[in-house]
N, C-alpha and C. Protein backbone atom coordinates (compact mmCIF):
# COMPACT_ATOMS: atom_id res chain seq x y z
N MET A 1 5.08 0.30 -15.50
CA MET A 1 5.77 1.67 -16.06
C MET A 1 4.60 2.19 -16.81
N THR A 2 4.81 3.74 -16.30
CA THR A 2 3.65 4.46 -17.04
C THR A 2 3.84 5.61 -17.95
N GLU A 3 3.06 6.02 -18.59
CA GLU A 3 3.49 7.67 -19.47
C GLU A 3 4.26 8.33 -18.39
N ASN A 4 3.91 7.89 -17.04
CA ASN A 4 4.40 9.04 -16.11
C ASN A 4 5.51 8.93 -15.72
N GLY A 5 6.10 7.43 -16.25
CA GLY A 5 7.24 7.06 -15.35
C GLY A 5 6.97 5.56 -14.52
N ILE A 6 8.08 5.34 -13.90
CA ILE A 6 7.87 4.20 -12.62
C ILE A 6 7.41 3.93 -11.40
N VAL A 7 5.80 3.14 -11.25
CA VAL A 7 5.18 3.53 -10.09
C VAL A 7 5.58 2.24 -9.72
N VAL A 8 5.67 2.57 -8.08
CA VAL A 8 6.26 2.04 -7.32
C VAL A 8 5.03 1.73 -6.12
N ILE A 9 5.38 0.32 -5.82
CA ILE A 9 4.39 0.25 -4.46
C ILE A 9 5.01 -0.44 -3.56
N TYR A 10 4.84 0.33 -1.89
CA TYR A 10 5.41 -0.46 -1.37
C TYR A 10 4.90 -0.43 0.32
N ASN A 11 5.25 -1.31 1.17
CA ASN A 11 4.76 -1.19 2.24
C ASN A 11 5.14 -0.39 3.35
N ALA A 12 4.80 -0.06 3.90
CA ALA A 12 5.54 0.76 5.49
C ALA A 12 5.18 0.80 6.72
N GLY A 13 5.86 0.32 7.72
CA GLY A 13 5.64 0.03 9.10
C GLY A 13 5.02 1.95 9.61
N ASN A 14 3.99 2.50 10.55
CA ASN A 14 3.84 4.02 11.19
C ASN A 14 4.40 3.69 12.40
N SER A 15 4.86 4.82 12.50
CA SER A 15 6.01 5.31 14.17
C SER A 15 5.06 6.71 14.08
N ASN A 16 4.78 5.93 15.86
CA ASN A 16 3.96 7.33 16.35
C ASN A 16 4.67 8.54 16.65
N LEU A 17 5.93 8.11 16.71
CA LEU A 17 6.73 9.09 16.51
C LEU A 17 7.08 9.91 15.62
N ILE A 18 7.02 9.52 14.31
CA ILE A 18 7.46 10.39 13.35
C ILE A 18 6.28 9.86 11.89
N GLY A 19 5.67 9.29 12.21
CA GLY A 19 4.61 8.80 11.41
C GLY A 19 3.42 9.65 11.24
N ILE A 20 2.18 9.22 11.16
CA ILE A 20 0.88 9.56 11.23
C ILE A 20 0.34 9.27 12.21
N LYS A 21 -0.02 10.20 12.96
CA LYS A 21 -0.27 10.32 14.04
C LYS A 21 -1.53 9.83 14.56
N ASP A 22 -2.73 9.75 13.95
CA ASP A 22 -4.37 8.97 14.40
C ASP A 22 -4.07 7.04 13.62
N LEU A 23 -2.89 7.10 13.06
CA LEU A 23 -2.75 5.64 12.89
C LEU A 23 -2.52 4.76 13.88
N GLY A 24 -1.44 5.01 15.03
CA GLY A 24 -1.43 3.97 15.81
C GLY A 24 0.24 3.37 15.28
N ASN A 25 0.72 2.76 16.38
CA ASN A 25 2.47 2.63 16.22
C ASN A 25 2.12 0.97 15.41
N ARG A 26 3.03 0.90 14.53
CA ARG A 26 3.29 -0.39 14.13
C ARG A 26 2.09 -0.71 13.07
N VAL A 27 1.20 0.37 12.67
CA VAL A 27 0.15 -0.13 11.62
C VAL A 27 1.32 -0.06 10.12
N TYR A 28 0.51 -1.17 9.57
CA TYR A 28 1.18 -1.76 7.94
C TYR A 28 0.47 -1.02 7.31
N THR A 29 0.70 -0.16 6.17
CA THR A 29 0.05 0.52 5.24
C THR A 29 1.00 0.38 3.76
N GLY A 30 0.08 1.14 3.03
CA GLY A 30 0.94 1.10 1.83
C GLY A 30 0.69 2.58 1.11
N GLY A 31 1.91 2.44 0.18
CA GLY A 31 2.39 3.60 -0.14
C GLY A 31 2.62 3.80 -1.79
N GLN A 32 2.98 5.07 -2.48
CA GLN A 32 3.12 4.82 -3.96
C GLN A 32 4.12 5.87 -4.32
N ALA A 33 5.57 5.18 -5.18
CA ALA A 33 6.07 6.21 -5.32
C ALA A 33 5.93 6.37 -7.03
N LEU A 34 6.81 7.46 -7.62
CA LEU A 34 6.71 7.53 -8.79
C LEU A 34 8.47 7.74 -9.49
N TYR A 35 8.93 7.42 -9.90
CA TYR A 35 10.15 7.62 -10.48
C TYR A 35 10.36 7.78 -12.15
N ASP A 36 11.72 8.69 -12.37
CA ASP A 36 11.56 8.93 -14.13
C ASP A 36 12.19 8.26 -14.62
N ALA A 37 11.63 7.52 -15.41
CA ALA A 37 11.79 6.44 -16.70
C ALA A 37 13.18 5.90 -17.16
N ASN A 38 13.70 7.39 -17.51
CA ASN A 38 14.84 7.50 -17.94
C ASN A 38 16.07 7.65 -17.20
N GLU A 39 15.83 8.01 -15.83
CA GLU A 39 17.12 8.14 -14.56
C GLU A 39 15.98 7.56 -13.80
N PRO A 40 15.88 6.34 -12.67
CA PRO A 40 15.09 5.68 -12.48
C PRO A 40 15.51 5.93 -11.24
N TRP A 41 16.68 6.48 -10.69
CA TRP A 41 17.29 6.98 -9.39
C TRP A 41 16.75 8.11 -8.63
N LYS A 42 15.95 8.84 -9.40
CA LYS A 42 15.01 10.20 -9.88
C LYS A 42 13.69 9.55 -8.77
N LEU A 43 13.21 10.04 -7.95
CA LEU A 43 12.17 10.19 -7.32
C LEU A 43 11.59 11.60 -7.78
N LEU A 44 10.10 11.31 -8.66
CA LEU A 44 9.30 12.57 -9.24
C LEU A 44 8.02 12.73 -8.07
N ASP A 45 7.59 11.97 -7.75
CA ASP A 45 6.68 12.23 -6.15
C ASP A 45 5.77 10.95 -5.41
N ARG A 46 5.63 11.04 -4.32
CA ARG A 46 5.70 9.94 -3.50
C ARG A 46 4.04 10.77 -2.84
N THR A 47 2.95 9.64 -2.76
CA THR A 47 2.11 9.77 -1.89
C THR A 47 2.34 10.14 -0.91
N ASN A 48 1.65 11.67 0.07
CA ASN A 48 1.90 11.88 1.48
C ASN A 48 1.22 10.78 2.31
N SER A 49 0.09 10.13 2.04
CA SER A 49 -0.39 9.31 3.17
C SER A 49 -0.58 8.24 2.39
N PRO A 50 -0.93 6.57 3.41
CA PRO A 50 -1.20 5.63 2.21
C PRO A 50 -2.59 5.85 2.07
N PHE A 51 -2.34 5.29 0.71
CA PHE A 51 -3.67 4.66 0.12
C PHE A 51 -4.32 3.33 0.10
N ILE A 52 -3.56 2.51 1.19
CA ILE A 52 -4.07 1.50 1.77
C ILE A 52 -3.78 1.52 3.22
N LYS A 53 -4.72 1.16 3.87
CA LYS A 53 -4.41 1.01 5.45
C LYS A 53 -5.59 0.39 6.22
N PRO A 54 -5.50 -0.25 7.30
CA PRO A 54 -6.16 -1.21 8.12
C PRO A 54 -7.51 -0.20 8.41
N GLU A 55 -8.87 -0.72 7.82
CA GLU A 55 -10.19 -0.31 8.38
C GLU A 55 -10.96 -0.89 8.58
N LYS A 56 -11.11 -2.55 7.99
CA LYS A 56 -11.98 -3.12 8.16
C LYS A 56 -11.53 -3.53 9.60
N SER A 57 -12.50 -4.88 10.15
CA SER A 57 -12.16 -5.47 11.57
C SER A 57 -10.70 -6.73 11.04
N PHE A 58 -11.68 -7.71 9.99
CA PHE A 58 -10.13 -8.28 9.71
C PHE A 58 -8.92 -7.78 9.35
N GLU A 59 -8.85 -6.57 9.07
CA GLU A 59 -7.20 -5.98 9.08
C GLU A 59 -6.96 -5.54 9.89
N LYS A 60 -7.49 -5.89 11.58
CA LYS A 60 -7.43 -4.97 12.84
C LYS A 60 -7.33 -6.24 13.60
N SER A 61 -6.71 -7.33 13.25
CA SER A 61 -6.25 -8.76 14.12
C SER A 61 -5.18 -8.65 13.77
N GLY A 62 -5.08 -10.05 15.19
CA GLY A 62 -3.69 -10.60 15.05
C GLY A 62 -2.41 -10.11 15.91
N GLN A 63 -1.22 -10.30 14.89
CA GLN A 63 0.03 -9.96 15.63
C GLN A 63 -0.12 -8.69 16.00
N TYR A 64 -0.90 -7.72 15.37
CA TYR A 64 -0.72 -6.06 15.72
C TYR A 64 -2.02 -5.28 15.67
N ALA A 65 -2.23 -4.97 17.03
CA ALA A 65 -3.87 -5.26 17.20
C ALA A 65 -4.33 -4.02 16.09
N ASP A 66 -3.56 -2.52 16.17
CA ASP A 66 -3.78 -1.57 15.00
C ASP A 66 -3.97 -1.83 13.51
N GLY A 67 -3.48 -2.81 12.97
CA GLY A 67 -3.70 -3.15 11.86
C GLY A 67 -2.61 -3.33 11.17
N THR A 68 -2.77 -4.63 9.75
CA THR A 68 -1.69 -4.84 8.62
C THR A 68 -2.66 -4.76 7.74
N THR A 69 -2.05 -4.17 6.69
CA THR A 69 -2.76 -4.24 5.05
C THR A 69 -1.50 -4.08 4.49
N PHE A 70 -0.67 -5.52 3.98
CA PHE A 70 0.75 -5.98 3.79
C PHE A 70 0.28 -6.20 2.28
N LEU A 71 1.27 -5.37 1.41
CA LEU A 71 0.66 -5.18 0.07
C LEU A 71 1.49 -6.79 -0.58
N GLU A 72 0.99 -7.85 -1.61
CA GLU A 72 1.78 -8.64 -1.94
C GLU A 72 1.64 -8.87 -3.26
N GLY A 73 0.87 -8.37 -3.95
CA GLY A 73 0.92 -8.77 -5.61
C GLY A 73 -0.36 -7.35 -6.35
N LEU A 74 0.40 -7.18 -7.30
CA LEU A 74 -0.87 -6.29 -8.16
C LEU A 74 -0.50 -6.73 -9.66
N VAL A 75 -1.82 -7.37 -10.39
CA VAL A 75 -2.35 -8.09 -11.17
C VAL A 75 -3.08 -7.54 -12.14
N LEU A 76 -3.40 -7.31 -13.68
CA LEU A 76 -3.96 -6.98 -14.19
C LEU A 76 -4.65 -8.58 -14.91
N PHE A 77 -5.58 -8.16 -14.53
CA PHE A 77 -6.67 -9.65 -14.73
C PHE A 77 -7.80 -8.89 -16.06
N ASN A 78 -7.75 -9.21 -17.41
CA ASN A 78 -9.06 -8.45 -18.16
C ASN A 78 -9.60 -7.53 -18.02
N GLY A 79 -8.66 -6.35 -17.84
CA GLY A 79 -8.67 -4.93 -17.97
C GLY A 79 -9.11 -4.73 -16.37
N THR A 80 -8.91 -5.14 -15.35
CA THR A 80 -8.85 -4.94 -14.20
C THR A 80 -7.65 -4.87 -13.24
N TRP A 81 -7.28 -4.09 -12.57
CA TRP A 81 -6.00 -4.07 -11.73
C TRP A 81 -6.20 -4.62 -10.61
N LEU A 82 -5.89 -5.89 -9.89
CA LEU A 82 -6.17 -6.23 -8.70
C LEU A 82 -4.98 -6.33 -7.50
N LEU A 83 -5.32 -5.95 -6.86
CA LEU A 83 -4.16 -5.69 -5.75
C LEU A 83 -4.52 -6.47 -4.38
N TYR A 84 -3.67 -7.73 -4.26
CA TYR A 84 -3.82 -8.38 -2.99
C TYR A 84 -2.60 -7.80 -1.88
N TYR A 85 -3.47 -8.72 -1.09
CA TYR A 85 -2.39 -7.74 0.73
C TYR A 85 -2.95 -9.07 2.02
N GLY A 86 -2.59 -9.12 2.46
CA GLY A 86 -1.99 -9.61 3.60
C GLY A 86 -2.97 -8.47 4.86
N THR A 87 -3.47 -9.12 5.57
CA THR A 87 -4.60 -8.62 6.77
C THR A 87 -4.15 -9.53 7.97
N ALA A 88 -4.35 -8.59 8.74
CA ALA A 88 -3.61 -9.08 10.14
C ALA A 88 -3.06 -10.76 10.62
N ASP A 89 -2.18 -10.99 9.44
CA ASP A 89 -0.94 -11.78 9.68
C ASP A 89 -1.97 -13.46 9.36
N SER A 90 -3.09 -13.28 9.03
CA SER A 90 -4.26 -14.70 9.18
C SER A 90 -4.87 -14.58 7.62
N MET A 91 -5.20 -13.38 6.83
CA MET A 91 -5.90 -13.62 5.68
C MET A 91 -5.80 -12.47 4.40
N VAL A 92 -6.11 -12.94 3.67
CA VAL A 92 -5.62 -12.38 1.92
C VAL A 92 -6.65 -11.43 1.40
N GLY A 93 -6.39 -10.48 1.21
CA GLY A 93 -7.48 -9.33 0.35
C GLY A 93 -7.12 -8.98 -0.33
N VAL A 94 -7.84 -8.55 -1.45
CA VAL A 94 -8.18 -7.80 -2.56
C VAL A 94 -8.95 -6.80 -2.54
N VAL A 95 -8.38 -5.68 -3.46
CA VAL A 95 -9.25 -4.88 -3.35
C VAL A 95 -8.59 -4.30 -5.64
N SER A 96 -9.56 -3.78 -5.87
CA SER A 96 -10.10 -3.92 -7.63
C SER A 96 -9.64 -2.61 -8.23
N TRP A 97 -9.26 -1.91 -9.19
CA TRP A 97 -9.50 -1.22 -9.88
C TRP A 97 -9.85 -1.01 -11.88
N PHE A 98 -10.78 -0.53 -11.79
CA PHE A 98 -10.59 -0.91 -13.30
C PHE A 98 -10.94 0.69 -14.14
N GLU A 99 -10.72 0.91 -15.76
CA GLU A 99 -10.90 2.17 -16.02
C GLU A 99 -12.07 1.91 -17.03
N GLU A 100 -12.77 2.59 -16.96
CA GLU A 100 -14.13 2.72 -17.57
C GLU A 100 -13.89 2.88 -19.37
């Protein structure tokens, strides 16, 4: 929950037919959506492109050769947000964000 509404992070599998053309087929990425806090069925905004996608070599191996970044959990720890994600069905990665 934020002051702007409910933030949802989600996984999405790309499709060459209807998705982002330069990502490849069956690439797993992460997106974000914002819903109204008082009427949670109302979508207020959504990212147009993934905020996380396979870019590193360890994210582009395994079952899906074009890559996988599969969101697993978001944790606030000592003022830093930690987003854990699976990579290429064989490893776990983490990205962090903190507000100064």
